[in-house]
């Protein structure tokens, strides 16, 4: 019975390892640093407003389940200044200037970053599912 359990776990581990290698080879879950989500705010159950940095451009995009719409283009320096102010407010503890707080899953930087085995990826998925299922 114990041998069967160990062999089953080894088989499942092998499948996960193979899937992670295949995903890495296909480029799934990886970012080349060109596209970055700066901020995201849920507007309703099925729609969000996202601030996205693509190379040197900053775009404000509205997204629903059916479509993605460009709302505006922002000045990159203004976005950087706002992010710096928020970081300063978080460090000094002045919550009045920091605005509403959101829980964001930490992104992994290790060997498994971006893969299905990355803990940060699963934390982000769980957080999004919690946001979708909360009754208001």
Protein backbone atom coordinates (compact mmCIF):
# COMPACT_ATOMS: atom_id res chain seq x y z
CA UNK A 1 0.00 0.00 0.00
CA UNK A 2 2.81 2.42 0.90
CA UNK A 3 4.74 1.59 -2.27
CA UNK A 4 1.61 2.22 -4.34
CA UNK A 5 1.14 5.61 -2.65
CA UNK A 6 4.75 6.64 -3.29
CA UNK A 7 4.56 5.56 -6.94
CA UNK A 8 1.29 7.47 -7.40
CA UNK A 9 2.79 10.63 -5.90
CA UNK A 10 5.88 10.26 -8.09
CA UNK A 11 3.66 9.88 -11.17
CA UNK A 12 1.62 13.01 -10.33
CA UNK A 13 4.81 14.93 -9.58
CA UNK A 14 6.25 13.87 -12.93
CA UNK A 15 3.14 15.06 -14.75
CA UNK A 16 3.30 18.44 -12.94
CA UNK A 17 7.01 18.78 -13.77
CA UNK A 18 6.33 17.95 -17.43
CA UNK A 19 3.43 20.45 -17.57
CA UNK A 20 5.60 23.18 -16.02
CA UNK A 21 8.39 22.56 -18.55
CA UNK A 22 5.92 22.55 -21.42
CA UNK A 23 4.35 25.83 -20.22
CA UNK A 24 7.78 27.41 -19.89
CA UNK A 25 8.76 26.22 -23.36
CA UNK A 26 5.57 27.65 -24.88
CA UNK A 27 6.05 30.92 -22.99
CA UNK A 28 2.86 30.61 -20.92
CA UNK A 29 2.73 32.57 -17.68
CA UNK A 30 5.91 34.47 -18.39
CA UNK A 31 6.33 38.16 -18.93
CA UNK A 32 9.13 39.78 -20.87
CA UNK A 33 8.66 43.01 -18.92
CA UNK A 34 7.18 44.89 -21.88
CA UNK A 35 3.59 44.81 -20.56
CA UNK A 36 2.88 45.59 -16.89
CA UNK A 37 -0.42 46.06 -15.05
CA UNK A 38 0.21 49.10 -12.87
CA UNK A 39 -3.17 49.14 -11.13
CA UNK A 40 -6.55 47.46 -11.36
CA UNK A 41 -9.85 48.51 -9.83
CA UNK A 42 -13.07 46.53 -9.93
CA UNK A 43 -16.01 48.71 -10.95
CA UNK A 44 -18.73 46.08 -10.84
CA UNK A 45 -18.96 42.31 -10.66
CA UNK A 46 -17.98 41.87 -14.30
CA UNK A 47 -16.00 45.02 -15.14
CA UNK A 48 -12.66 46.52 -14.18
CA UNK A 49 -10.59 49.57 -14.99
CA UNK A 50 -6.91 48.80 -15.48
CA UNK A 51 -3.87 51.03 -15.82
CA UNK A 52 -1.40 49.25 -18.10
CA UNK A 53 2.16 50.23 -18.99
CA UNK A 54 3.27 49.03 -22.41
CA UNK A 55 6.90 49.98 -23.05
CA UNK A 56 6.86 53.78 -22.53
CA UNK A 57 3.07 54.28 -22.90
CA UNK A 58 0.53 54.18 -20.06
CA UNK A 59 -3.04 53.24 -21.02
CA UNK A 60 -6.28 53.24 -19.04
CA UNK A 61 -8.39 50.31 -20.21
CA UNK A 62 -11.92 49.26 -19.29
CA UNK A 63 -12.52 45.51 -19.38
CA UNK A 64 -15.71 43.48 -19.19
CA UNK A 65 -16.35 39.82 -19.90
CA UNK A 66 -17.09 40.60 -23.55
CA UNK A 67 -14.78 43.47 -24.50
CA UNK A 68 -11.76 45.61 -23.70
CA UNK A 69 -11.99 49.35 -24.38
CA UNK A 70 -9.27 52.00 -24.39
CA UNK A 71 -10.47 54.80 -22.10
CA UNK A 72 -7.48 57.14 -22.05
CA UNK A 73 -3.74 57.49 -22.39
CA UNK A 74 -1.89 58.93 -19.39
CA UNK A 75 1.39 60.73 -18.90
CA UNK A 76 4.02 58.23 -17.69
CA UNK A 77 5.67 60.76 -15.37
CA UNK A 78 2.36 61.47 -13.62
CA UNK A 79 1.79 57.74 -13.03
CA UNK A 80 5.30 57.34 -11.61
CA UNK A 81 4.79 60.34 -9.28
CA UNK A 82 1.47 58.93 -8.05
CA UNK A 83 2.99 55.51 -7.38
CA UNK A 84 5.90 57.11 -5.52
CA UNK A 85 3.44 59.11 -3.37
CA UNK A 86 1.50 55.94 -2.53
CA UNK A 87 4.67 54.09 -1.55
CA UNK A 88 5.74 57.01 0.64
CA UNK A 89 2.31 57.11 2.28
CA UNK A 90 2.44 53.37 2.93
CA UNK A 91 5.91 53.60 4.49
CA UNK A 92 5.12 56.62 6.69
CA UNK A 93 1.74 55.19 7.69
CA UNK A 94 -0.42 58.13 6.63
CA UNK A 95 -3.49 56.18 5.55
CA UNK A 96 -5.51 59.31 4.70
CA UNK A 97 -3.30 60.04 1.68
CA UNK A 98 -2.87 56.44 0.59
CA UNK A 99 -6.48 55.84 -0.52
CA UNK A 100 -8.25 52.47 -0.31
CA UNK A 101 -6.06 49.47 0.42
CA UNK A 102 -6.15 46.29 -1.62
CA UNK A 103 -4.58 42.94 -0.98
CA UNK A 104 -2.31 41.99 -3.86
CA UNK A 105 -0.63 38.61 -4.14
CA UNK A 106 3.14 38.76 -4.13
CA UNK A 107 4.69 37.88 -7.44
CA UNK A 108 7.36 35.25 -7.31
CA UNK A 109 10.83 35.97 -8.57
CA UNK A 110 12.33 32.53 -8.23
CA UNK A 111 12.78 29.66 -10.62
CA UNK A 112 9.04 28.89 -10.71
CA UNK A 113 7.88 32.50 -11.24
CA UNK A 114 4.95 32.61 -13.61
CA UNK A 115 4.48 28.85 -13.79
CA UNK A 116 1.59 26.76 -12.49
CA UNK A 117 3.77 25.86 -9.50
CA UNK A 118 4.30 29.49 -8.45
CA UNK A 119 2.58 30.23 -5.13
CA UNK A 120 2.05 33.89 -6.04
CA UNK A 121 0.08 32.94 -9.15
CA UNK A 122 -2.30 30.75 -7.16
CA UNK A 123 -2.62 33.45 -4.49
CA UNK A 124 -3.70 35.95 -7.14
CA UNK A 125 -6.26 33.52 -8.54
CA UNK A 126 -7.68 32.84 -5.09
CA UNK A 127 -7.90 36.58 -4.38
CA UNK A 128 -9.73 37.22 -7.65
CA UNK A 129 -12.17 34.40 -6.90
CA UNK A 130 -12.81 35.87 -3.44
CA UNK A 131 -13.55 39.27 -4.99
CA UNK A 132 -15.99 37.72 -7.44
CA UNK A 133 -17.87 35.71 -4.83
CA UNK A 134 -18.25 38.38 -2.11
CA UNK A 135 -21.87 39.51 -1.82
CA UNK A 136 -22.34 43.22 -1.52
